[in-house]
């Protein structure tokens, strides 16, 4: 599974800053971040609040329901899934909107508290947070200590400058100049591809590794690099953030589900979350939220508690 949120803490917390840096208003890009960011938040906030489902609400532990809210732990550094909005304090994003809608389905409000990524699961186990929602990929190691409810599917995807002027083929990128964020699984991926090129007597891929994803994106937009690969929702949102100066290239691969993180003792709570998600999928709210953040390629149809591991 190839998700940056599975990397060590320092890397997870340094993941994509497209909105805030090179391709956004705060960096050296074209200053286009405000419109898509505002559009995503406005489109999702305009959706009517889901109607409470009393049967599902009855499954919520009294310790959670007593104060009328669900406290989520999240690392707000990963747009478009969860990040700090233009005011510098409000946490927005696809995960936030889905978490809010699920809470409303259970008759509760949602409160998102910012945390360093590696502190979220310990915070849940220690009672600081009631749920975790921060682009957590579901894997066997996590399911040993917490329960997880799938809500989205993400993997690796390539992108290139609009029109693919260099005719880059992800399956045969020998000789190409490719940007990645340093020390991610995507960096390992393209490095391995380069080794296959040279083993076959072809030109190596020139792998340009950048400290931040914003720098990798800017390198493709400027033409310094010919393509890049990153997490699929990051690519989808990056296309929007650059005002369409980039386009997706090829299909998503090495996909794995994101999941809510739930304390092991609360299986009924996990079942309630899965039921609420299914209801939101059925009534169209789920898809509208994903559309608002330009990540509808990651939609799933059947949320599950602790789904089987994918290869």
C-alpha atoms as a PDB file:
ATOM      1  CA  UNK A   1       0.000   0.000   0.000  1.00  0.00           C
ATOM      2  CA  UNK A   2       1.436   3.316  -1.026  1.00  0.00           C
ATOM      3  CA  UNK A   3       0.094   6.013   1.204  1.00  0.00           C
ATOM      4  CA  UNK A   4       2.236   8.759   2.749  1.00  0.00           C
ATOM      5  CA  UNK A   5       0.135   8.532   5.920  1.00  0.00           C
ATOM      6  CA  UNK A   6       1.796   5.153   6.464  1.00  0.00           C
ATOM      7  CA  UNK A   7       5.240   6.719   6.596  1.00  0.00           C
ATOM      8  CA  UNK A   8       7.141   7.727   9.728  1.00  0.00           C
ATOM      9  CA  UNK A   9       5.733  10.677  11.640  1.00  0.00           C
ATOM     10  CA  UNK A  10       8.115  13.320  10.369  1.00  0.00           C
ATOM     11  CA  UNK A  11       7.245  12.462   6.790  1.00  0.00           C
ATOM     12  CA  UNK A  12       3.537  12.178   7.402  1.00  0.00           C
ATOM     13  CA  UNK A  13       3.427  15.624   8.928  1.00  0.00           C
ATOM     14  CA  UNK A  14       5.396  17.069   6.016  1.00  0.00           C
ATOM     15  CA  UNK A  15       3.007  15.755   3.369  1.00  0.00           C
ATOM     16  CA  UNK A  16       1.498  17.906   0.626  1.00  0.00           C
ATOM     17  CA  UNK A  17       1.320  21.667   1.113  1.00  0.00           C
ATOM     18  CA  UNK A  18       0.029  22.510  -2.358  1.00  0.00           C
ATOM     19  CA  UNK A  19      -2.638  24.819  -1.003  1.00  0.00           C
ATOM     20  CA  UNK A  20      -0.287  26.751   1.215  1.00  0.00           C
ATOM     21  CA  UNK A  21       2.916  26.926  -0.783  1.00  0.00           C
ATOM     22  CA  UNK A  22       4.294  26.654  -4.325  1.00  0.00           C
ATOM     23  CA  UNK A  23       1.019  26.220  -6.159  1.00  0.00           C
ATOM     24  CA  UNK A  24      -1.021  28.300  -3.787  1.00  0.00           C
ATOM     25  CA  UNK A  25      -1.333  31.925  -2.846  1.00  0.00           C
ATOM     26  CA  UNK A  26       1.477  31.738  -0.296  1.00  0.00           C
ATOM     27  CA  UNK A  27       4.197  30.455  -2.599  1.00  0.00           C
ATOM     28  CA  UNK A  28       5.866  30.908  -5.928  1.00  0.00           C
ATOM     29  CA  UNK A  29       3.069  29.480  -8.037  1.00  0.00           C
ATOM     30  CA  UNK A  30       0.172  31.175  -9.725  1.00  0.00           C
ATOM     31  CA  UNK A  31      -1.723  32.147  -6.577  1.00  0.00           C
ATOM     32  CA  UNK A  32      -4.711  30.000  -7.511  1.00  0.00           C
ATOM     33  CA  UNK A  33      -5.358  28.290  -4.182  1.00  0.00           C
ATOM     34  CA  UNK A  34      -8.080  30.562  -2.836  1.00  0.00           C
ATOM     35  CA  UNK A  35     -10.740  29.749  -5.390  1.00  0.00           C
ATOM     36  CA  UNK A  36     -10.647  25.933  -5.255  1.00  0.00           C
ATOM     37  CA  UNK A  37     -10.216  25.907  -1.470  1.00  0.00           C
ATOM     38  CA  UNK A  38     -13.129  28.263  -0.964  1.00  0.00           C
ATOM     39  CA  UNK A  39     -15.199  26.442  -3.555  1.00  0.00           C
ATOM     40  CA  UNK A  40     -14.680  23.105  -1.846  1.00  0.00           C
ATOM     41  CA  UNK A  41     -15.598  24.444   1.566  1.00  0.00           C
ATOM     42  CA  UNK A  42     -18.559  26.432   0.263  1.00  0.00           C
ATOM     43  CA  UNK A  43     -19.973  23.594  -1.814  1.00  0.00           C
ATOM     44  CA  UNK A  44     -19.813  21.106   1.026  1.00  0.00           C
ATOM     45  CA  UNK A  45     -21.062  23.500   3.702  1.00  0.00           C
ATOM     46  CA  UNK A  46     -24.070  24.306   1.525  1.00  0.00           C
ATOM     47  CA  UNK A  47     -25.310  20.719   1.769  1.00  0.00           C
ATOM     48  CA  UNK A  48     -28.288  20.213   4.096  1.00  0.00           C
ATOM     49  CA  UNK A  49     -27.466  18.513   7.392  1.00  0.00           C
ATOM     50  CA  UNK A  50     -28.259  14.782   7.300  1.00  0.00           C
ATOM     51  CA  UNK A  51     -31.296  13.646   9.274  1.00  0.00           C
ATOM     52  CA  UNK A  52     -30.564  11.822  12.511  1.00  0.00           C
ATOM     53  CA  UNK A  53     -31.016   8.044  12.421  1.00  0.00           C
ATOM     54  CA  UNK A  54     -32.310   7.052  15.856  1.00  0.00           C
ATOM     55  CA  UNK A  55     -31.377   3.380  15.493  1.00  0.00           C
ATOM     56  CA  UNK A  56     -27.786   4.215  14.613  1.00  0.00           C
ATOM     57  CA  UNK A  57     -27.606   6.913  17.278  1.00  0.00           C
ATOM     58  CA  UNK A  58     -28.571   4.338  19.897  1.00  0.00           C
ATOM     59  CA  UNK A  59     -25.327   2.469  19.181  1.00  0.00           C
ATOM     60  CA  UNK A  60     -23.154   5.442  20.125  1.00  0.00           C
ATOM     61  CA  UNK A  61     -21.576   4.950  23.568  1.00  0.00           C
ATOM     62  CA  UNK A  62     -23.131   7.116  26.241  1.00  0.00           C
ATOM     63  CA  UNK A  63     -19.686   8.415  27.115  1.00  0.00           C
ATOM     64  CA  UNK A  64     -19.507   9.910  23.627  1.00  0.00           C
ATOM     65  CA  UNK A  65     -23.121  11.030  23.249  1.00  0.00           C
ATOM     66  CA  UNK A  66     -23.385  12.694  26.669  1.00  0.00           C
ATOM     67  CA  UNK A  67     -21.933  16.038  25.583  1.00  0.00           C
ATOM     68  CA  UNK A  68     -23.618  15.997  22.162  1.00  0.00           C
ATOM     69  CA  UNK A  69     -20.420  15.871  20.119  1.00  0.00           C
ATOM     70  CA  UNK A  70     -17.754  13.576  18.714  1.00  0.00           C
ATOM     71  CA  UNK A  71     -14.186  14.722  19.300  1.00  0.00           C
ATOM     72  CA  UNK A  72     -11.963  13.811  16.371  1.00  0.00           C
ATOM     73  CA  UNK A  73      -8.181  13.810  16.370  1.00  0.00           C
ATOM     74  CA  UNK A  74      -6.703  14.947  13.045  1.00  0.00           C
ATOM     75  CA  UNK A  75      -3.434  16.224  11.615  1.00  0.00           C
ATOM     76  CA  UNK A  76      -4.529  19.270   9.620  1.00  0.00           C
ATOM     77  CA  UNK A  77      -1.561  19.295   7.250  1.00  0.00           C
ATOM     78  CA  UNK A  78      -2.780  17.183   4.359  1.00  0.00           C
ATOM     79  CA  UNK A  79      -4.963  18.977   1.805  1.00  0.00           C
ATOM     80  CA  UNK A  80      -7.501  18.352   0.484  1.00  0.00           C
ATOM     81  CA  UNK A  81      -8.340  15.799   3.166  1.00  0.00           C
ATOM     82  CA  UNK A  82      -7.673  17.874   6.273  1.00  0.00           C
ATOM     83  CA  UNK A  83      -5.911  21.209   6.473  1.00  0.00           C
ATOM     84  CA  UNK A  84      -6.132  24.635   8.040  1.00  0.00           C
ATOM     85  CA  UNK A  85      -8.371  27.061   6.175  1.00  0.00           C
ATOM     86  CA  UNK A  86      -7.660  30.666   5.138  1.00  0.00           C
ATOM     87  CA  UNK A  87      -8.219  31.996   8.662  1.00  0.00           C
ATOM     88  CA  UNK A  88      -5.296  29.936   9.942  1.00  0.00           C
ATOM     89  CA  UNK A  89      -7.307  28.106  12.600  1.00  0.00           C
ATOM     90  CA  UNK A  90     -10.416  26.472  11.127  1.00  0.00           C
ATOM     91  CA  UNK A  91      -9.827  22.882  10.030  1.00  0.00           C
ATOM     92  CA  UNK A  92     -11.435  22.104   6.679  1.00  0.00           C
ATOM     93  CA  UNK A  93     -11.326  19.400   4.044  1.00  0.00           C
ATOM     94  CA  UNK A  94     -12.925  16.256   2.739  1.00  0.00           C
ATOM     95  CA  UNK A  95     -12.378  14.278   5.955  1.00  0.00           C
ATOM     96  CA  UNK A  96     -13.818  17.105   8.014  1.00  0.00           C
ATOM     97  CA  UNK A  97     -16.960  17.279   5.906  1.00  0.00           C
ATOM     98  CA  UNK A  98     -17.471  13.513   5.946  1.00  0.00           C
ATOM     99  CA  UNK A  99     -16.848  13.366   9.691  1.00  0.00           C
ATOM    100  CA  UNK A 100     -19.296  16.187  10.273  1.00  0.00           C
ATOM    101  CA  UNK A 101     -21.999  14.530   8.155  1.00  0.00           C
ATOM    102  CA  UNK A 102     -21.562  11.201   9.934  1.00  0.00           C
ATOM    103  CA  UNK A 103     -21.788  12.901  13.322  1.00  0.00           C
ATOM    104  CA  UNK A 104     -24.990  14.632  12.229  1.00  0.00           C
ATOM    105  CA  UNK A 105     -26.429  11.303  11.105  1.00  0.00           C
ATOM    106  CA  UNK A 106     -25.824  10.107  14.648  1.00  0.00           C
ATOM    107  CA  UNK A 107     -27.499  13.220  16.094  1.00  0.00           C
ATOM    108  CA  UNK A 108     -24.230  14.799  17.203  1.00  0.00           C
ATOM    109  CA  UNK A 109     -21.882  17.606  16.215  1.00  0.00           C
ATOM    110  CA  UNK A 110     -18.249  17.131  15.205  1.00  0.00           C
ATOM    111  CA  UNK A 111     -15.256  18.780  16.851  1.00  0.00           C
ATOM    112  CA  UNK A 112     -11.888  18.409  15.125  1.00  0.00           C
ATOM    113  CA  UNK A 113      -8.767  18.900  17.236  1.00  0.00           C
ATOM    114  CA  UNK A 114      -5.406  19.364  15.532  1.00  0.00           C
ATOM    115  CA  UNK A 115      -2.704  16.903  16.512  1.00  0.00           C
ATOM    116  CA  UNK A 116       0.637  15.646  15.295  1.00  0.00           C
ATOM    117  CA  UNK A 117      -0.175  12.555  13.266  1.00  0.00           C
ATOM    118  CA  UNK A 118       1.656  10.000  15.444  1.00  0.00           C
ATOM    119  CA  UNK A 119      -0.187  11.223  18.535  1.00  0.00           C
ATOM    120  CA  UNK A 120      -3.695  10.519  17.264  1.00  0.00           C
ATOM    121  CA  UNK A 121      -3.983   6.771  17.884  1.00  0.00           C
ATOM    122  CA  UNK A 122      -2.356   7.005  21.340  1.00  0.00           C
ATOM    123  CA  UNK A 123      -4.728   9.903  22.017  1.00  0.00           C
ATOM    124  CA  UNK A 124      -7.702   7.695  21.149  1.00  0.00           C
ATOM    125  CA  UNK A 125      -6.415   4.881  23.311  1.00  0.00           C
ATOM    126  CA  UNK A 126      -5.902   7.312  26.171  1.00  0.00           C
ATOM    127  CA  UNK A 127      -9.329   8.913  25.833  1.00  0.00           C
ATOM    128  CA  UNK A 128      -8.204  12.310  24.574  1.00  0.00           C
ATOM    129  CA  UNK A 129     -10.045  11.787  21.276  1.00  0.00           C
ATOM    130  CA  UNK A 130     -13.172   9.746  20.642  1.00  0.00           C
ATOM    131  CA  UNK A 131     -12.347   9.043  16.986  1.00  0.00           C
ATOM    132  CA  UNK A 132      -9.480   9.583  14.596  1.00  0.00           C
ATOM    133  CA  UNK A 133      -9.980  10.816  11.054  1.00  0.00           C
ATOM    134  CA  UNK A 134      -6.796  11.852   9.312  1.00  0.00           C
ATOM    135  CA  UNK A 135      -6.278   9.877   6.095  1.00  0.00           C
ATOM    136  CA  UNK A 136      -5.354   6.776   8.082  1.00  0.00           C
ATOM    137  CA  UNK A 137      -4.813   3.883   5.727  1.00  0.00           C
ATOM    138  CA  UNK A 138      -6.177   0.618   7.073  1.00  0.00           C
ATOM    139  CA  UNK A 139      -3.481  -1.970   7.649  1.00  0.00           C
ATOM    140  CA  UNK A 140      -3.087  -5.097   9.794  1.00  0.00           C
ATOM    141  CA  UNK A 141      -0.758  -3.382  12.251  1.00  0.00           C
ATOM    142  CA  UNK A 142      -3.285  -0.682  13.109  1.00  0.00           C
ATOM    143  CA  UNK A 143      -6.200  -3.089  13.312  1.00  0.00           C
ATOM    144  CA  UNK A 144      -4.360  -4.985  16.028  1.00  0.00           C
ATOM    145  CA  UNK A 145      -4.742  -2.034  18.379  1.00  0.00           C
ATOM    146  CA  UNK A 146      -7.822  -0.140  17.129  1.00  0.00           C
ATOM    147  CA  UNK A 147     -10.861  -0.798  14.962  1.00  0.00           C
ATOM    148  CA  UNK A 148     -11.145   0.981  11.621  1.00  0.00           C
ATOM    149  CA  UNK A 149     -14.120   1.821   9.402  1.00  0.00           C
ATOM    150  CA  UNK A 150     -13.403   2.288   5.699  1.00  0.00           C
ATOM    151  CA  UNK A 151     -14.689   5.434   3.997  1.00  0.00           C
ATOM    152  CA  UNK A 152     -12.422   6.211   1.022  1.00  0.00           C
ATOM    153  CA  UNK A 153      -9.902   4.560  -1.282  1.00  0.00           C
ATOM    154  CA  UNK A 154      -6.551   6.110  -2.179  1.00  0.00           C
ATOM    155  CA  UNK A 155      -3.436   4.982  -3.990  1.00  0.00           C
ATOM    156  CA  UNK A 156      -0.605   6.338  -6.092  1.00  0.00           C
ATOM    157  CA  UNK A 157      -1.190   8.280  -9.296  1.00  0.00           C
ATOM    158  CA  UNK A 158       0.974  10.100 -11.823  1.00  0.00           C
ATOM    159  CA  UNK A 159       0.405  13.540 -13.291  1.00  0.00           C
ATOM    160  CA  UNK A 160       2.026  15.659 -15.978  1.00  0.00           C
ATOM    161  CA  UNK A 161       1.701  19.037 -17.608  1.00  0.00           C
ATOM    162  CA  UNK A 162      -1.621  19.527 -19.395  1.00  0.00           C
ATOM    163  CA  UNK A 163      -1.630  17.793 -22.754  1.00  0.00           C
ATOM    164  CA  UNK A 164       1.304  15.554 -21.765  1.00  0.00           C
ATOM    165  CA  UNK A 165       3.688  17.420 -24.116  1.00  0.00           C
ATOM    166  CA  UNK A 166       6.545  14.994 -23.412  1.00  0.00           C
ATOM    167  CA  UNK A 167       4.376  11.911 -24.034  1.00  0.00           C
ATOM    168  CA  UNK A 168       5.201  10.388 -20.675  1.00  0.00           C
ATOM    169  CA  UNK A 169       4.048   6.803 -20.139  1.00  0.00           C
ATOM    170  CA  UNK A 170       4.108   5.750 -16.459  1.00  0.00           C
ATOM    171  CA  UNK A 171       4.732   2.172 -17.543  1.00  0.00           C
ATOM    172  CA  UNK A 172       7.719   3.178 -19.660  1.00  0.00           C
ATOM    173  CA  UNK A 173       9.193   6.358 -18.204  1.00  0.00           C
ATOM    174  CA  UNK A 174      12.837   5.513 -18.899  1.00  0.00           C
ATOM    175  CA  UNK A 175      14.793   8.708 -19.548  1.00  0.00           C
ATOM    176  CA  UNK A 176      12.075  10.989 -18.184  1.00  0.00           C
ATOM    177  CA  UNK A 177      12.532  13.648 -15.506  1.00  0.00           C
ATOM    178  CA  UNK A 178      10.151  12.801 -12.663  1.00  0.00           C
ATOM    179  CA  UNK A 179       9.409  14.738  -9.470  1.00  0.00           C
ATOM    180  CA  UNK A 180       8.470  13.172  -6.134  1.00  0.00           C
ATOM    181  CA  UNK A 181       8.395  14.192  -2.505  1.00  0.00           C
ATOM    182  CA  UNK A 182      11.519  13.023  -0.719  1.00  0.00           C
ATOM    183  CA  UNK A 183      11.418   9.811   1.338  1.00  0.00           C
ATOM    184  CA  UNK A 184       7.883   8.800   0.329  1.00  0.00           C
ATOM    185  CA  UNK A 185       6.794   5.465  -1.063  1.00  0.00           C
ATOM    186  CA  UNK A 186       6.411   7.245  -4.397  1.00  0.00           C
ATOM    187  CA  UNK A 187      10.128   8.040  -4.297  1.00  0.00           C
ATOM    188  CA  UNK A 188      10.830   4.349  -3.715  1.00  0.00           C
ATOM    189  CA  UNK A 189       8.421   3.454  -6.518  1.00  0.00           C
ATOM    190  CA  UNK A 190      10.036   5.624  -9.193  1.00  0.00           C
ATOM    191  CA  UNK A 191      13.553   4.693  -8.062  1.00  0.00           C
ATOM    192  CA  UNK A 192      12.691   1.024  -8.502  1.00  0.00           C
ATOM    193  CA  UNK A 193      11.301   1.778 -11.954  1.00  0.00           C
ATOM    194  CA  UNK A 194      14.543   3.527 -12.849  1.00  0.00           C
ATOM    195  CA  UNK A 195      16.581   0.481 -11.826  1.00  0.00           C
ATOM    196  CA  UNK A 196      14.457  -1.670 -14.118  1.00  0.00           C
ATOM    197  CA  UNK A 197      15.184   0.751 -16.941  1.00  0.00           C
ATOM    198  CA  UNK A 198      18.940   0.525 -16.525  1.00  0.00           C
ATOM    199  CA  UNK A 199      18.792  -3.257 -16.059  1.00  0.00           C
ATOM    200  CA  UNK A 200      17.097  -3.431 -19.456  1.00  0.00           C
ATOM    201  CA  UNK A 201      19.797  -1.282 -21.044  1.00  0.00           C
ATOM    202  CA  UNK A 202      17.601   1.844 -21.184  1.00  0.00           C
ATOM    203  CA  UNK A 203      18.169   5.333 -19.820  1.00  0.00           C
ATOM    204  CA  UNK A 204      17.589   5.816 -16.111  1.00  0.00           C
ATOM    205  CA  UNK A 205      14.690   7.936 -14.902  1.00  0.00           C
ATOM    206  CA  UNK A 206      15.991  11.252 -13.573  1.00  0.00           C
ATOM    207  CA  UNK A 207      14.342  11.267 -10.159  1.00  0.00           C
ATOM    208  CA  UNK A 208      14.133  14.729  -8.618  1.00  0.00           C
ATOM    209  CA  UNK A 209      13.269  14.414  -4.943  1.00  0.00           C
ATOM    210  CA  UNK A 210      11.873  17.511  -3.214  1.00  0.00           C
ATOM    211  CA  UNK A 211      11.451  18.252   0.461  1.00  0.00           C
ATOM    212  CA  UNK A 212       7.828  19.327  -0.042  1.00  0.00           C
ATOM    213  CA  UNK A 213       5.094  18.158  -2.385  1.00  0.00           C
ATOM    214  CA  UNK A 214       4.467  21.791  -3.314  1.00  0.00           C
ATOM    215  CA  UNK A 215       7.986  21.949  -4.765  1.00  0.00           C
ATOM    216  CA  UNK A 216       7.417  18.800  -6.817  1.00  0.00           C
ATOM    217  CA  UNK A 217       4.169  20.205  -8.179  1.00  0.00           C
ATOM    218  CA  UNK A 218       5.793  23.527  -9.049  1.00  0.00           C
ATOM    219  CA  UNK A 219       8.585  21.682 -10.879  1.00  0.00           C
ATOM    220  CA  UNK A 220       6.062  20.014 -13.179  1.00  0.00           C
ATOM    221  CA  UNK A 221       4.067  23.194 -13.774  1.00  0.00           C
ATOM    222  CA  UNK A 222       7.248  25.111 -14.655  1.00  0.00           C
ATOM    223  CA  UNK A 223       8.484  22.365 -16.981  1.00  0.00           C
ATOM    224  CA  UNK A 224      11.595  21.602 -14.919  1.00  0.00           C
ATOM    225  CA  UNK A 225      10.260  18.058 -14.516  1.00  0.00           C
ATOM    226  CA  UNK A 226       8.074  16.181 -16.956  1.00  0.00           C
ATOM    227  CA  UNK A 227       5.847  14.263 -14.539  1.00  0.00           C
ATOM    228  CA  UNK A 228       5.317  13.439 -10.889  1.00  0.00           C
ATOM    229  CA  UNK A 229       3.626  10.828  -8.758  1.00  0.00           C
ATOM    230  CA  UNK A 230       1.918  11.247  -5.386  1.00  0.00           C
ATOM    231  CA  UNK A 231      -1.085  10.107  -3.368  1.00  0.00           C
ATOM    232  CA  UNK A 232      -4.190  10.022  -5.594  1.00  0.00           C
ATOM    233  CA  UNK A 233      -6.352  12.632  -3.786  1.00  0.00           C
ATOM    234  CA  UNK A 234      -3.312  14.898  -3.644  1.00  0.00           C
ATOM    235  CA  UNK A 235      -2.920  14.596  -7.418  1.00  0.00           C
ATOM    236  CA  UNK A 236      -6.621  15.233  -8.015  1.00  0.00           C
ATOM    237  CA  UNK A 237      -6.611  18.366  -5.894  1.00  0.00           C
ATOM    238  CA  UNK A 238      -3.274  19.498  -7.314  1.00  0.00           C
ATOM    239  CA  UNK A 239      -4.791  19.534 -10.795  1.00  0.00           C
ATOM    240  CA  UNK A 240      -7.428  21.942  -9.501  1.00  0.00           C
ATOM    241  CA  UNK A 241      -4.966  24.009  -7.479  1.00  0.00           C
ATOM    242  CA  UNK A 242      -2.875  24.677 -10.587  1.00  0.00           C
ATOM    243  CA  UNK A 243      -5.943  25.811 -12.539  1.00  0.00           C
ATOM    244  CA  UNK A 244      -5.650  22.786 -14.798  1.00  0.00           C
ATOM    245  CA  UNK A 245      -2.023  23.353 -15.747  1.00  0.00           C
ATOM    246  CA  UNK A 246      -1.512  19.690 -14.856  1.00  0.00           C
ATOM    247  CA  UNK A 247      -3.528  16.588 -15.670  1.00  0.00           C
ATOM    248  CA  UNK A 248      -3.810  13.096 -14.236  1.00  0.00           C
ATOM    249  CA  UNK A 249      -1.749  10.488 -16.013  1.00  0.00           C
ATOM    250  CA  UNK A 250      -2.792   6.855 -15.957  1.00  0.00           C
ATOM    251  CA  UNK A 251      -4.867   4.966 -13.433  1.00  0.00           C
ATOM    252  CA  UNK A 252      -4.604   4.887  -9.637  1.00  0.00           C
ATOM    253  CA  UNK A 253      -2.689   1.852  -8.398  1.00  0.00           C
ATOM    254  CA  UNK A 254      -1.695   0.231  -5.094  1.00  0.00           C
ATOM    255  CA  UNK A 255      -4.990   1.410  -3.660  1.00  0.00           C
ATOM    256  CA  UNK A 256      -5.946   0.943  -0.021  1.00  0.00           C
ATOM    257  CA  UNK A 257      -8.823   2.253   2.099  1.00  0.00           C
ATOM    258  CA  UNK A 258      -8.716   5.153   4.516  1.00  0.00           C
ATOM    259  CA  UNK A 259     -10.525   4.489   7.770  1.00  0.00           C
ATOM    260  CA  UNK A 260     -12.007   6.093  10.855  1.00  0.00           C
ATOM    261  CA  UNK A 261     -10.029   5.041  13.920  1.00  0.00           C
ATOM    262  CA  UNK A 262     -12.228   3.696  16.735  1.00  0.00           C
ATOM    263  CA  UNK A 263     -11.234   2.380  20.183  1.00  0.00           C
ATOM    264  CA  UNK A 264     -11.168  -1.436  20.265  1.00  0.00           C
ATOM    265  CA  UNK A 265     -13.758  -1.551  23.032  1.00  0.00           C
ATOM    266  CA  UNK A 266     -16.392   0.235  20.921  1.00  0.00           C
ATOM    267  CA  UNK A 267     -17.444  -2.200  18.175  1.00  0.00           C
ATOM    268  CA  UNK A 268     -21.040  -0.946  18.388  1.00  0.00           C
ATOM    269  CA  UNK A 269     -19.719   2.562  17.724  1.00  0.00           C
ATOM    270  CA  UNK A 270     -17.801   1.272  14.705  1.00  0.00           C
ATOM    271  CA  UNK A 271     -20.978  -0.371  13.401  1.00  0.00           C
ATOM    272  CA  UNK A 272     -22.858   2.910  13.852  1.00  0.00           C
ATOM    273  CA  UNK A 273     -20.223   4.767  11.829  1.00  0.00           C
ATOM    274  CA  UNK A 274     -20.388   2.221   9.020  1.00  0.00           C
ATOM    275  CA  UNK A 275     -24.179   2.461   9.022  1.00  0.00           C
ATOM    276  CA  UNK A 276     -24.096   6.249   8.916  1.00  0.00           C
ATOM    277  CA  UNK A 277     -21.677   6.197   5.994  1.00  0.00           C
ATOM    278  CA  UNK A 278     -23.891   3.751   4.104  1.00  0.00           C
ATOM    279  CA  UNK A 279     -26.842   6.076   4.632  1.00  0.00           C
ATOM    280  CA  UNK A 280     -24.841   9.046   3.337  1.00  0.00           C
ATOM    281  CA  UNK A 281     -23.805   7.049   0.286  1.00  0.00           C
ATOM    282  CA  UNK A 282     -27.416   6.085  -0.372  1.00  0.00           C
ATOM    283  CA  UNK A 283     -28.795   9.620  -0.120  1.00  0.00           C
ATOM    284  CA  UNK A 284     -26.019  11.154  -2.238  1.00  0.00           C
ATOM    285  CA  UNK A 285     -24.416  13.284   0.485  1.00  0.00           C
ATOM    286  CA  UNK A 286     -21.195  11.267   0.409  1.00  0.00           C
ATOM    287  CA  UNK A 287     -20.619  11.737  -3.304  1.00  0.00           C
ATOM    288  CA  UNK A 288     -21.448  15.443  -3.139  1.00  0.00           C
ATOM    289  CA  UNK A 289     -18.794  15.951  -0.464  1.00  0.00           C
ATOM    290  CA  UNK A 290     -16.165  14.113  -2.502  1.00  0.00           C
ATOM    291  CA  UNK A 291     -17.145  16.109  -5.599  1.00  0.00           C
ATOM    292  CA  UNK A 292     -16.761  19.353  -3.658  1.00  0.00           C
ATOM    293  CA  UNK A 293     -13.118  18.479  -2.955  1.00  0.00           C
ATOM    294  CA  UNK A 294     -12.434  17.003  -6.423  1.00  0.00           C
ATOM    295  CA  UNK A 295     -11.657  13.528  -5.040  1.00  0.00           C
ATOM    296  CA  UNK A 296     -14.640  11.509  -6.266  1.00  0.00           C
ATOM    297  CA  UNK A 297     -12.282   8.938  -7.845  1.00  0.00           C
ATOM    298  CA  UNK A 298     -11.776   7.590  -4.320  1.00  0.00           C
ATOM    299  CA  UNK A 299     -15.440   6.875  -3.616  1.00  0.00           C
ATOM    300  CA  UNK A 300     -16.318   3.492  -2.122  1.00  0.00           C
ATOM    301  CA  UNK A 301     -19.703   1.779  -2.107  1.00  0.00           C
ATOM    302  CA  UNK A 302     -19.571  -0.467   0.963  1.00  0.00           C
ATOM    303  CA  UNK A 303     -17.998   0.891   4.178  1.00  0.00           C
ATOM    304  CA  UNK A 304     -16.755  -1.923   6.392  1.00  0.00           C
ATOM    305  CA  UNK A 305     -15.374  -2.411   9.884  1.00  0.00           C
ATOM    306  CA  UNK A 306     -11.826  -3.773   9.655  1.00  0.00           C
ATOM    307  CA  UNK A 307     -12.025  -4.755   5.959  1.00  0.00           C
ATOM    308  CA  UNK A 308      -9.651  -7.441   4.672  1.00  0.00           C
ATOM    309  CA  UNK A 309      -6.166  -6.212   3.839  1.00  0.00           C
ATOM    310  CA  UNK A 310      -5.441  -5.402   0.222  1.00  0.00           C
ATOM    311  CA  UNK A 311      -2.269  -6.280  -1.590  1.00  0.00           C
END
